[in-house]
Amino acid sequence: MTNREIDALVAERIFGWENPLSSPHLPHFSTSITDAWEVAEKIKEGGWHMVLHSSRGYICDLSNKGTVVVGYGPSASLAICLASLKAVSFS
């Protein structure tokens, strides 16, 4: 899966966009920490708590009422996106 496909999934599943790949304004959630932080803020609104670690890449832990999901990536922005996509599957 490409970064733009991940961006589109985030836009669709977390922000509720329709047909995000057709939008010229699709943020770069998976490669821009500024855009990824919008994802983190949105996930926190759903009661998720985030911890971000760096060690040979990045690990994003999200927890909510006993449920824990983890995203791994070479960048913090990708780790946040991957963990957040897992989190919304539990919501």
PDB file of N, CA and C in Angstrom:
ATOM      1  N   MET A   1       0.845  -1.176   0.000  1.00  0.00           N
ATOM      2  CA  MET A   1       0.000   0.000   0.000  1.00  0.00           C
ATOM      3  C   MET A   1       0.891   1.240   0.000  1.00  0.00           C
ATOM      4  N   THR A   2       0.572   2.182  -0.845  1.00  0.00           N
ATOM      5  CA  THR A   2       1.365   3.406  -0.928  1.00  0.00           C
ATOM      6  C   THR A   2       0.962   4.392   0.168  1.00  0.00           C
ATOM      7  N   ASN A   3       1.814   5.377   0.389  1.00  0.00           N
ATOM      8  CA  ASN A   3       1.488   6.410   1.375  1.00  0.00           C
ATOM      9  C   ASN A   3       0.209   7.147   1.003  1.00  0.00           C
ATOM     10  N   ARG A   4      -0.004   7.419  -0.274  1.00  0.00           N
ATOM     11  CA  ARG A   4      -1.224   8.133  -0.681  1.00  0.00           C
ATOM     12  C   ARG A   4      -2.461   7.277  -0.453  1.00  0.00           C
ATOM     13  N   GLU A   5      -2.335   5.963  -0.614  1.00  0.00           N
ATOM     14  CA  GLU A   5      -3.469   5.086  -0.320  1.00  0.00           C
ATOM     15  C   GLU A   5      -3.761   5.086   1.182  1.00  0.00           C
ATOM     16  N   ILE A   6      -2.713   5.124   1.986  1.00  0.00           N
ATOM     17  CA  ILE A   6      -2.906   5.233   3.444  1.00  0.00           C
ATOM     18  C   ILE A   6      -3.556   6.572   3.781  1.00  0.00           C
ATOM     19  N   ASP A   7      -3.093   7.643   3.154  1.00  0.00           N
ATOM     20  CA  ASP A   7      -3.705   8.964   3.364  1.00  0.00           C
ATOM     21  C   ASP A   7      -5.195   8.929   3.052  1.00  0.00           C
ATOM     22  N   ALA A   8      -5.550   8.269   1.958  1.00  0.00           N
ATOM     23  CA  ALA A   8      -6.956   8.179   1.551  1.00  0.00           C
ATOM     24  C   ALA A   8      -7.765   7.376   2.564  1.00  0.00           C
ATOM     25  N   LEU A   9      -7.210   6.273   3.064  1.00  0.00           N
ATOM     26  CA  LEU A   9      -7.919   5.482   4.079  1.00  0.00           C
ATOM     27  C   LEU A   9      -8.141   6.295   5.346  1.00  0.00           C
ATOM     28  N   VAL A  10      -7.131   7.048   5.748  1.00  0.00           N
ATOM     29  CA  VAL A  10      -7.262   7.898   6.933  1.00  0.00           C
ATOM     30  C   VAL A  10      -8.362   8.936   6.711  1.00  0.00           C
ATOM     31  N   ALA A  11      -8.338   9.587   5.571  1.00  0.00           N
ATOM     32  CA  ALA A  11      -9.355  10.603   5.271  1.00  0.00           C
ATOM     33  C   ALA A  11     -10.758  10.006   5.297  1.00  0.00           C
ATOM     34  N   GLU A  12     -10.881   8.809   4.749  1.00  0.00           N
ATOM     35  CA  GLU A  12     -12.187   8.154   4.667  1.00  0.00           C
ATOM     36  C   GLU A  12     -12.654   7.619   6.019  1.00  0.00           C
ATOM     37  N   ARG A  13     -11.805   6.850   6.679  1.00  0.00           N
ATOM     38  CA  ARG A  13     -12.225   6.143   7.896  1.00  0.00           C
ATOM     39  C   ARG A  13     -12.169   6.980   9.163  1.00  0.00           C
ATOM     40  N   ILE A  14     -11.297   7.963   9.196  1.00  0.00           N
ATOM     41  CA  ILE A  14     -11.165   8.762  10.412  1.00  0.00           C
ATOM     42  C   ILE A  14     -11.878  10.103  10.289  1.00  0.00           C
ATOM     43  N   PHE A  15     -11.822  10.707   9.096  1.00  0.00           N
ATOM     44  CA  PHE A  15     -12.430  12.026   8.917  1.00  0.00           C
ATOM     45  C   PHE A  15     -13.740  11.990   8.133  1.00  0.00           C
ATOM     46  N   GLY A  16     -14.116  10.818   7.595  1.00  0.00           N
ATOM     47  CA  GLY A  16     -15.398  10.681   6.923  1.00  0.00           C
ATOM     48  C   GLY A  16     -15.476  11.222   5.509  1.00  0.00           C
ATOM     49  N   TRP A  17     -14.342  11.399   4.859  1.00  0.00           N
ATOM     50  CA  TRP A  17     -14.346  11.883   3.473  1.00  0.00           C
ATOM     51  C   TRP A  17     -14.917  10.813   2.547  1.00  0.00           C
ATOM     52  N   GLU A  18     -15.517  11.257   1.456  1.00  0.00           N
ATOM     53  CA  GLU A  18     -15.938  10.362   0.384  1.00  0.00           C
ATOM     54  C   GLU A  18     -15.014  10.574  -0.806  1.00  0.00           C
ATOM     55  N   ASN A  19     -14.569   9.495  -1.408  1.00  0.00           N
ATOM     56  CA  ASN A  19     -13.670   9.536  -2.574  1.00  0.00           C
ATOM     57  C   ASN A  19     -12.443  10.428  -2.351  1.00  0.00           C
ATOM     58  N   PRO A  20     -11.692  10.185  -1.289  1.00  0.00           N
ATOM     59  CA  PRO A  20     -10.576  11.082  -0.973  1.00  0.00           C
ATOM     60  C   PRO A  20      -9.472  11.112  -2.026  1.00  0.00           C
ATOM     61  N   LEU A  21      -9.248  10.013  -2.753  1.00  0.00           N
ATOM     62  CA  LEU A  21      -8.181  10.018  -3.753  1.00  0.00           C
ATOM     63  C   LEU A  21      -8.465  10.968  -4.907  1.00  0.00           C
ATOM     64  N   SER A  22      -9.732  11.320  -5.096  1.00  0.00           N
ATOM     65  CA  SER A  22     -10.069  12.241  -6.176  1.00  0.00           C
ATOM     66  C   SER A  22      -9.926  13.711  -5.756  1.00  0.00           C
ATOM     67  N   SER A  23      -9.624  13.937  -4.483  1.00  0.00           N
ATOM     68  CA  SER A  23      -9.498  15.311  -3.990  1.00  0.00           C
ATOM     69  C   SER A  23      -8.076  15.835  -4.180  1.00  0.00           C
ATOM     70  N   PRO A  24      -7.946  17.011  -4.777  1.00  0.00           N
ATOM     71  CA  PRO A  24      -6.608  17.618  -4.884  1.00  0.00           C
ATOM     72  C   PRO A  24      -6.112  18.161  -3.538  1.00  0.00           C
ATOM     73  N   HIS A  25      -6.975  18.154  -2.532  1.00  0.00           N
ATOM     74  CA  HIS A  25      -6.642  18.714  -1.221  1.00  0.00           C
ATOM     75  C   HIS A  25      -6.408  17.638  -0.167  1.00  0.00           C
ATOM     76  N   LEU A  26      -6.184  16.401  -0.593  1.00  0.00           N
ATOM     77  CA  LEU A  26      -5.954  15.314   0.349  1.00  0.00           C
ATOM     78  C   LEU A  26      -4.654  15.573   1.118  1.00  0.00           C
ATOM     79  N   PRO A  27      -4.741  15.689   2.447  1.00  0.00           N
ATOM     80  CA  PRO A  27      -3.520  15.925   3.232  1.00  0.00           C
ATOM     81  C   PRO A  27      -2.559  14.733   3.133  1.00  0.00           C
ATOM     82  N   HIS A  28      -1.324  15.001   3.479  1.00  0.00           N
ATOM     83  CA  HIS A  28      -0.280  13.970   3.469  1.00  0.00           C
ATOM     84  C   HIS A  28      -0.114  13.425   4.888  1.00  0.00           C
ATOM     85  N   PHE A  29      -1.175  12.775   5.373  1.00  0.00           N
ATOM     86  CA  PHE A  29      -1.193  12.297   6.753  1.00  0.00           C
ATOM     87  C   PHE A  29      -0.014  11.385   7.080  1.00  0.00           C
ATOM     88  N   SER A  30       0.348  10.498   6.161  1.00  0.00           N
ATOM     89  CA  SER A  30       1.361   9.478   6.447  1.00  0.00           C
ATOM     90  C   SER A  30       2.802   9.969   6.300  1.00  0.00           C
ATOM     91  N   THR A  31       2.987  11.159   5.732  1.00  0.00           N
ATOM     92  CA  THR A  31       4.354  11.653   5.530  1.00  0.00           C
ATOM     93  C   THR A  31       4.608  13.035   6.143  1.00  0.00           C
ATOM     94  N   SER A  32       3.586  13.698   6.593  1.00  0.00           N
ATOM     95  CA  SER A  32       3.735  15.024   7.206  1.00  0.00           C
ATOM     96  C   SER A  32       3.326  14.951   8.672  1.00  0.00           C
ATOM     97  N   ILE A  33       4.241  15.275   9.577  1.00  0.00           N
ATOM     98  CA  ILE A  33       3.904  15.225  10.997  1.00  0.00           C
ATOM     99  C   ILE A  33       2.820  16.241  11.343  1.00  0.00           C
ATOM    100  N   THR A  34       2.778  17.357  10.650  1.00  0.00           N
ATOM    101  CA  THR A  34       1.726  18.352  10.886  1.00  0.00           C
ATOM    102  C   THR A  34       0.353  17.762  10.566  1.00  0.00           C
ATOM    103  N   ASP A  35       0.245  17.098   9.417  1.00  0.00           N
ATOM    104  CA  ASP A  35      -1.028  16.479   9.043  1.00  0.00           C
ATOM    105  C   ASP A  35      -1.340  15.280   9.934  1.00  0.00           C
ATOM    106  N   ALA A  36      -0.309  14.509  10.304  1.00  0.00           N
ATOM    107  CA  ALA A  36      -0.524  13.347  11.175  1.00  0.00           C
ATOM    108  C   ALA A  36      -1.009  13.780  12.551  1.00  0.00           C
ATOM    109  N   TRP A  37      -0.574  14.951  12.985  1.00  0.00           N
ATOM    110  CA  TRP A  37      -1.021  15.415  14.297  1.00  0.00           C
ATOM    111  C   TRP A  37      -2.520  15.707  14.298  1.00  0.00           C
ATOM    112  N   GLU A  38      -3.076  16.088  13.158  1.00  0.00           N
ATOM    113  CA  GLU A  38      -4.531  16.251  13.047  1.00  0.00           C
ATOM    114  C   GLU A  38      -5.221  14.903  13.265  1.00  0.00           C
ATOM    115  N   VAL A  39      -4.612  13.836  12.759  1.00  0.00           N
ATOM    116  CA  VAL A  39      -5.144  12.481  12.963  1.00  0.00           C
ATOM    117  C   VAL A  39      -5.108  12.152  14.457  1.00  0.00           C
ATOM    118  N   ALA A  40      -3.984  12.420  15.093  1.00  0.00           N
ATOM    119  CA  ALA A  40      -3.857  12.141  16.529  1.00  0.00           C
ATOM    120  C   ALA A  40      -4.912  12.895  17.337  1.00  0.00           C
ATOM    121  N   GLU A  41      -5.129  14.153  17.009  1.00  0.00           N
ATOM    122  CA  GLU A  41      -6.143  14.938  17.726  1.00  0.00           C
ATOM    123  C   GLU A  41      -7.545  14.369  17.513  1.00  0.00           C
ATOM    124  N   LYS A  42      -7.842  13.940  16.310  1.00  0.00           N
ATOM    125  CA  LYS A  42      -9.159  13.367  16.010  1.00  0.00           C
ATOM    126  C   LYS A  42      -9.360  12.058  16.771  1.00  0.00           C
ATOM    127  N   ILE A  43      -8.333  11.231  16.811  1.00  0.00           N
ATOM    128  CA  ILE A  43      -8.417   9.956  17.526  1.00  0.00           C
ATOM    129  C   ILE A  43      -8.606  10.196  19.021  1.00  0.00           C
ATOM    130  N   LYS A  44      -7.927  11.192  19.560  1.00  0.00           N
ATOM    131  CA  LYS A  44      -8.070  11.514  20.983  1.00  0.00           C
ATOM    132  C   LYS A  44      -9.504  11.921  21.319  1.00  0.00           C
ATOM    133  N   GLU A  45     -10.196  12.552  20.374  1.00  0.00           N
ATOM    134  CA  GLU A  45     -11.598  12.933  20.596  1.00  0.00           C
ATOM    135  C   GLU A  45     -12.464  11.705  20.855  1.00  0.00           C
ATOM    136  N   GLY A  46     -12.050  10.560  20.335  1.00  0.00           N
ATOM    137  CA  GLY A  46     -12.785   9.311  20.539  1.00  0.00           C
ATOM    138  C   GLY A  46     -12.395   8.585  21.817  1.00  0.00           C
ATOM    139  N   GLY A  47     -11.599   9.223  22.664  1.00  0.00           N
ATOM    140  CA  GLY A  47     -11.230   8.620  23.935  1.00  0.00           C
ATOM    141  C   GLY A  47      -9.936   7.825  23.918  1.00  0.00           C
ATOM    142  N   TRP A  48      -9.236   7.837  22.810  1.00  0.00           N
ATOM    143  CA  TRP A  48      -7.962   7.109  22.703  1.00  0.00           C
ATOM    144  C   TRP A  48      -6.841   7.943  23.309  1.00  0.00           C
ATOM    145  N   HIS A  49      -5.906   7.262  23.973  1.00  0.00           N
ATOM    146  CA  HIS A  49      -4.726   7.895  24.546  1.00  0.00           C
ATOM    147  C   HIS A  49      -3.520   7.424  23.739  1.00  0.00           C
ATOM    148  N   MET A  50      -2.643   8.356  23.394  1.00  0.00           N
ATOM    149  CA  MET A  50      -1.519   8.029  22.520  1.00  0.00           C
ATOM    150  C   MET A  50      -0.183   8.180  23.233  1.00  0.00           C
ATOM    151  N   VAL A  51       0.697   7.206  22.964  1.00  0.00           N
ATOM    152  CA  VAL A  51       2.091   7.280  23.391  1.00  0.00           C
ATOM    153  C   VAL A  51       2.921   6.985  22.157  1.00  0.00           C
ATOM    154  N   LEU A  52       3.880   7.842  21.870  1.00  0.00           N
ATOM    155  CA  LEU A  52       4.730   7.689  20.693  1.00  0.00           C
ATOM    156  C   LEU A  52       6.161   7.438  21.160  1.00  0.00           C
ATOM    157  N   HIS A  53       6.765   6.363  20.656  1.00  0.00           N
ATOM    158  CA  HIS A  53       8.136   5.980  21.011  1.00  0.00           C
ATOM    159  C   HIS A  53       8.998   5.997  19.755  1.00  0.00           C
ATOM    160  N   SER A  54      10.291   6.220  19.932  1.00  0.00           N
ATOM    161  CA  SER A  54      11.202   6.068  18.799  1.00  0.00           C
ATOM    162  C   SER A  54      12.324   5.114  19.195  1.00  0.00           C
ATOM    163  N   SER A  55      12.512   4.124  18.369  1.00  0.00           N
ATOM    164  CA  SER A  55      13.571   3.148  18.563  1.00  0.00           C
ATOM    165  C   SER A  55      13.698   2.362  17.267  1.00  0.00           C
ATOM    166  N   ARG A  56      14.693   2.698  16.465  1.00  0.00           N
ATOM    167  CA  ARG A  56      14.839   2.078  15.138  1.00  0.00           C
ATOM    168  C   ARG A  56      13.563   2.247  14.327  1.00  0.00           C
ATOM    169  N   GLY A  57      13.022   3.418  14.343  1.00  0.00           N
ATOM    170  CA  GLY A  57      11.729   3.701  13.725  1.00  0.00           C
ATOM    171  C   GLY A  57      10.815   4.259  14.802  1.00  0.00           C
ATOM    172  N   TYR A  58       9.531   4.229  14.528  1.00  0.00           N
ATOM    173  CA  TYR A  58       8.572   4.791  15.485  1.00  0.00           C
ATOM    174  C   TYR A  58       7.485   3.789  15.807  1.00  0.00           C
ATOM    175  N   ILE A  59       7.007   3.867  17.044  1.00  0.00           N
ATOM    176  CA  ILE A  59       5.923   3.023  17.525  1.00  0.00           C
ATOM    177  C   ILE A  59       4.876   3.950  18.117  1.00  0.00           C
ATOM    178  N   CYS A  60       3.645   3.796  17.672  1.00  0.00           N
ATOM    179  CA  CYS A  60       2.533   4.561  18.218  1.00  0.00           C
ATOM    180  C   CYS A  60       1.600   3.593  18.928  1.00  0.00           C
ATOM    181  N   ASP A  61       1.457   3.758  20.244  1.00  0.00           N
ATOM    182  CA  ASP A  61       0.532   2.960  21.035  1.00  0.00           C
ATOM    183  C   ASP A  61      -0.710   3.796  21.293  1.00  0.00           C
ATOM    184  N   LEU A  62      -1.866   3.224  20.990  1.00  0.00           N
ATOM    185  CA  LEU A  62      -3.139   3.865  21.309  1.00  0.00           C
ATOM    186  C   LEU A  62      -3.903   2.940  22.241  1.00  0.00           C
ATOM    187  N   SER A  63      -4.478   3.502  23.292  1.00  0.00           N
ATOM    188  CA  SER A  63      -5.260   2.693  24.226  1.00  0.00           C
ATOM    189  C   SER A  63      -6.575   3.385  24.541  1.00  0.00           C
ATOM    190  N   ASN A  64      -7.587   2.547  24.767  1.00  0.00           N
ATOM    191  CA  ASN A  64      -8.919   3.054  25.068  1.00  0.00           C
ATOM    192  C   ASN A  64      -9.708   1.948  25.763  1.00  0.00           C
ATOM    193  N   LYS A  65     -10.014   2.153  27.041  1.00  0.00           N
ATOM    194  CA  LYS A  65     -10.841   1.215  27.803  1.00  0.00           C
ATOM    195  C   LYS A  65     -10.346  -0.224  27.690  1.00  0.00           C
ATOM    196  N   GLY A  66      -9.059  -0.427  27.883  1.00  0.00           N
ATOM    197  CA  GLY A  66      -8.499  -1.769  27.874  1.00  0.00           C
ATOM    198  C   GLY A  66      -8.091  -2.301  26.512  1.00  0.00           C
ATOM    199  N   THR A  67      -8.434  -1.598  25.462  1.00  0.00           N
ATOM    200  CA  THR A  67      -8.026  -1.998  24.116  1.00  0.00           C
ATOM    201  C   THR A  67      -6.746  -1.246  23.755  1.00  0.00           C
ATOM    202  N   VAL A  68      -5.765  -1.973  23.249  1.00  0.00           N
ATOM    203  CA  VAL A  68      -4.500  -1.365  22.841  1.00  0.00           C
ATOM    204  C   VAL A  68      -4.216  -1.757  21.398  1.00  0.00           C
ATOM    205  N   VAL A  69      -3.873  -0.768  20.593  1.00  0.00           N
ATOM    206  CA  VAL A  69      -3.451  -1.018  19.211  1.00  0.00           C
ATOM    207  C   VAL A  69      -2.103  -0.348  19.011  1.00  0.00           C
ATOM    208  N   VAL A  70      -1.316  -0.898  18.101  1.00  0.00           N
ATOM    209  CA  VAL A  70       0.041  -0.412  17.882  1.00  0.00           C
ATOM    210  C   VAL A  70       0.280  -0.228  16.390  1.00  0.00           C
ATOM    211  N   GLY A  71       0.932   0.868  16.041  1.00  0.00           N
ATOM    212  CA  GLY A  71       1.363   1.110  14.672  1.00  0.00           C
ATOM    213  C   GLY A  71       2.861   1.307  14.641  1.00  0.00           C
ATOM    214  N   TYR A  72       3.521   0.671  13.686  1.00  0.00           N
ATOM    215  CA  TYR A  72       4.976   0.780  13.523  1.00  0.00           C
ATOM    216  C   TYR A  72       5.269   1.448  12.196  1.00  0.00           C
ATOM    217  N   GLY A  73       6.329   2.257  12.143  1.00  0.00           N
ATOM    218  CA  GLY A  73       6.719   2.855  10.875  1.00  0.00           C
ATOM    219  C   GLY A  73       8.072   3.524  10.962  1.00  0.00           C
ATOM    220  N   PRO A  74       8.659   3.826   9.810  1.00  0.00           N
ATOM    221  CA  PRO A  74       9.948   4.515   9.790  1.00  0.00           C
ATOM    222  C   PRO A  74       9.830   5.992  10.177  1.00  0.00           C
ATOM    223  N   SER A  75       8.606   6.503  10.190  1.00  0.00           N
ATOM    224  CA  SER A  75       8.372   7.892  10.596  1.00  0.00           C
ATOM    225  C   SER A  75       7.240   7.932  11.617  1.00  0.00           C
ATOM    226  N   ALA A  76       7.250   8.969  12.435  1.00  0.00           N
ATOM    227  CA  ALA A  76       6.186   9.138  13.425  1.00  0.00           C
ATOM    228  C   ALA A  76       4.833   9.278  12.738  1.00  0.00           C
ATOM    229  N   SER A  77       4.786  10.013  11.639  1.00  0.00           N
ATOM    230  CA  SER A  77       3.513  10.241  10.953  1.00  0.00           C
ATOM    231  C   SER A  77       2.912   8.937  10.444  1.00  0.00           C
ATOM    232  N   LEU A  78       3.714   8.050   9.891  1.00  0.00           N
ATOM    233  CA  LEU A  78       3.194   6.770   9.410  1.00  0.00           C
ATOM    234  C   LEU A  78       2.739   5.895  10.577  1.00  0.00           C
ATOM    235  N   ALA A  79       3.504   5.864  11.663  1.00  0.00           N
ATOM    236  CA  ALA A  79       3.109   5.074  12.833  1.00  0.00           C
ATOM    237  C   ALA A  79       1.775   5.564  13.395  1.00  0.00           C
ATOM    238  N   ILE A  80       1.581   6.875  13.458  1.00  0.00           N
ATOM    239  CA  ILE A  80       0.314   7.439  13.952  1.00  0.00           C
ATOM    240  C   ILE A  80      -0.838   7.010  13.049  1.00  0.00           C
ATOM    241  N   CYS A  81      -0.643   7.092  11.748  1.00  0.00           N
ATOM    242  CA  CYS A  81      -1.700   6.720  10.809  1.00  0.00           C
ATOM    243  C   CYS A  81      -2.065   5.246  10.925  1.00  0.00           C
ATOM    244  N   LEU A  82      -1.060   4.385  10.973  1.00  0.00           N
ATOM    245  CA  LEU A  82      -1.335   2.947  11.028  1.00  0.00           C
ATOM    246  C   LEU A  82      -2.028   2.552  12.328  1.00  0.00           C
ATOM    247  N   ALA A  83      -1.592   3.108  13.445  1.00  0.00           N
ATOM    248  CA  ALA A  83      -2.263   2.818  14.716  1.00  0.00           C
ATOM    249  C   ALA A  83      -3.688   3.365  14.716  1.00  0.00           C
ATOM    250  N   SER A  84      -3.872   4.544  14.173  1.00  0.00           N
ATOM    251  CA  SER A  84      -5.205   5.160  14.147  1.00  0.00           C
ATOM    252  C   SER A  84      -6.177   4.368  13.278  1.00  0.00           C
ATOM    253  N   LEU A  85      -5.696   3.856  12.164  1.00  0.00           N
ATOM    254  CA  LEU A  85      -6.567   3.021  11.321  1.00  0.00           C
ATOM    255  C   LEU A  85      -6.980   1.749  12.059  1.00  0.00           C
ATOM    256  N   LYS A  86      -6.079   1.179  12.839  1.00  0.00           N
ATOM    257  CA  LYS A  86      -6.442   0.018  13.647  1.00  0.00           C
ATOM    258  C   LYS A  86      -7.454   0.405  14.711  1.00  0.00           C
ATOM    259  N   ALA A  87      -7.267   1.565  15.329  1.00  0.00           N
ATOM    260  CA  ALA A  87      -8.156   2.018  16.394  1.00  0.00           C
ATOM    261  C   ALA A  87      -9.587   2.182  15.907  1.00  0.00           C
ATOM    262  N   VAL A  88      -9.768   2.757  14.716  1.00  0.00           N
ATOM    263  CA  VAL A  88     -11.140   2.982  14.244  1.00  0.00           C
ATOM    264  C   VAL A  88     -11.843   1.663  13.921  1.00  0.00           C
ATOM    265  N   SER A  89     -11.105   0.608  13.717  1.00  0.00           N
ATOM    266  CA  SER A  89     -11.752  -0.684  13.476  1.00  0.00           C
ATOM    267  C   SER A  89     -12.390  -1.227  14.760  1.00  0.00           C
ATOM    268  N   PHE A  90     -11.989  -0.691  15.934  1.00  0.00           N
ATOM    269  CA  PHE A  90     -12.577  -1.093  17.207  1.00  0.00           C
ATOM    270  C   PHE A  90     -13.726  -0.193  17.635  1.00  0.00           C
ATOM    271  N   SER A  91     -13.878   0.924  16.962  1.00  0.00           N
ATOM    272  CA  SER A  91     -14.913   1.899  17.359  1.00  0.00           C
ATOM    273  C   SER A  91     -16.251   1.543  16.770  1.00  0.00           C
TER     274      SER A  91
END
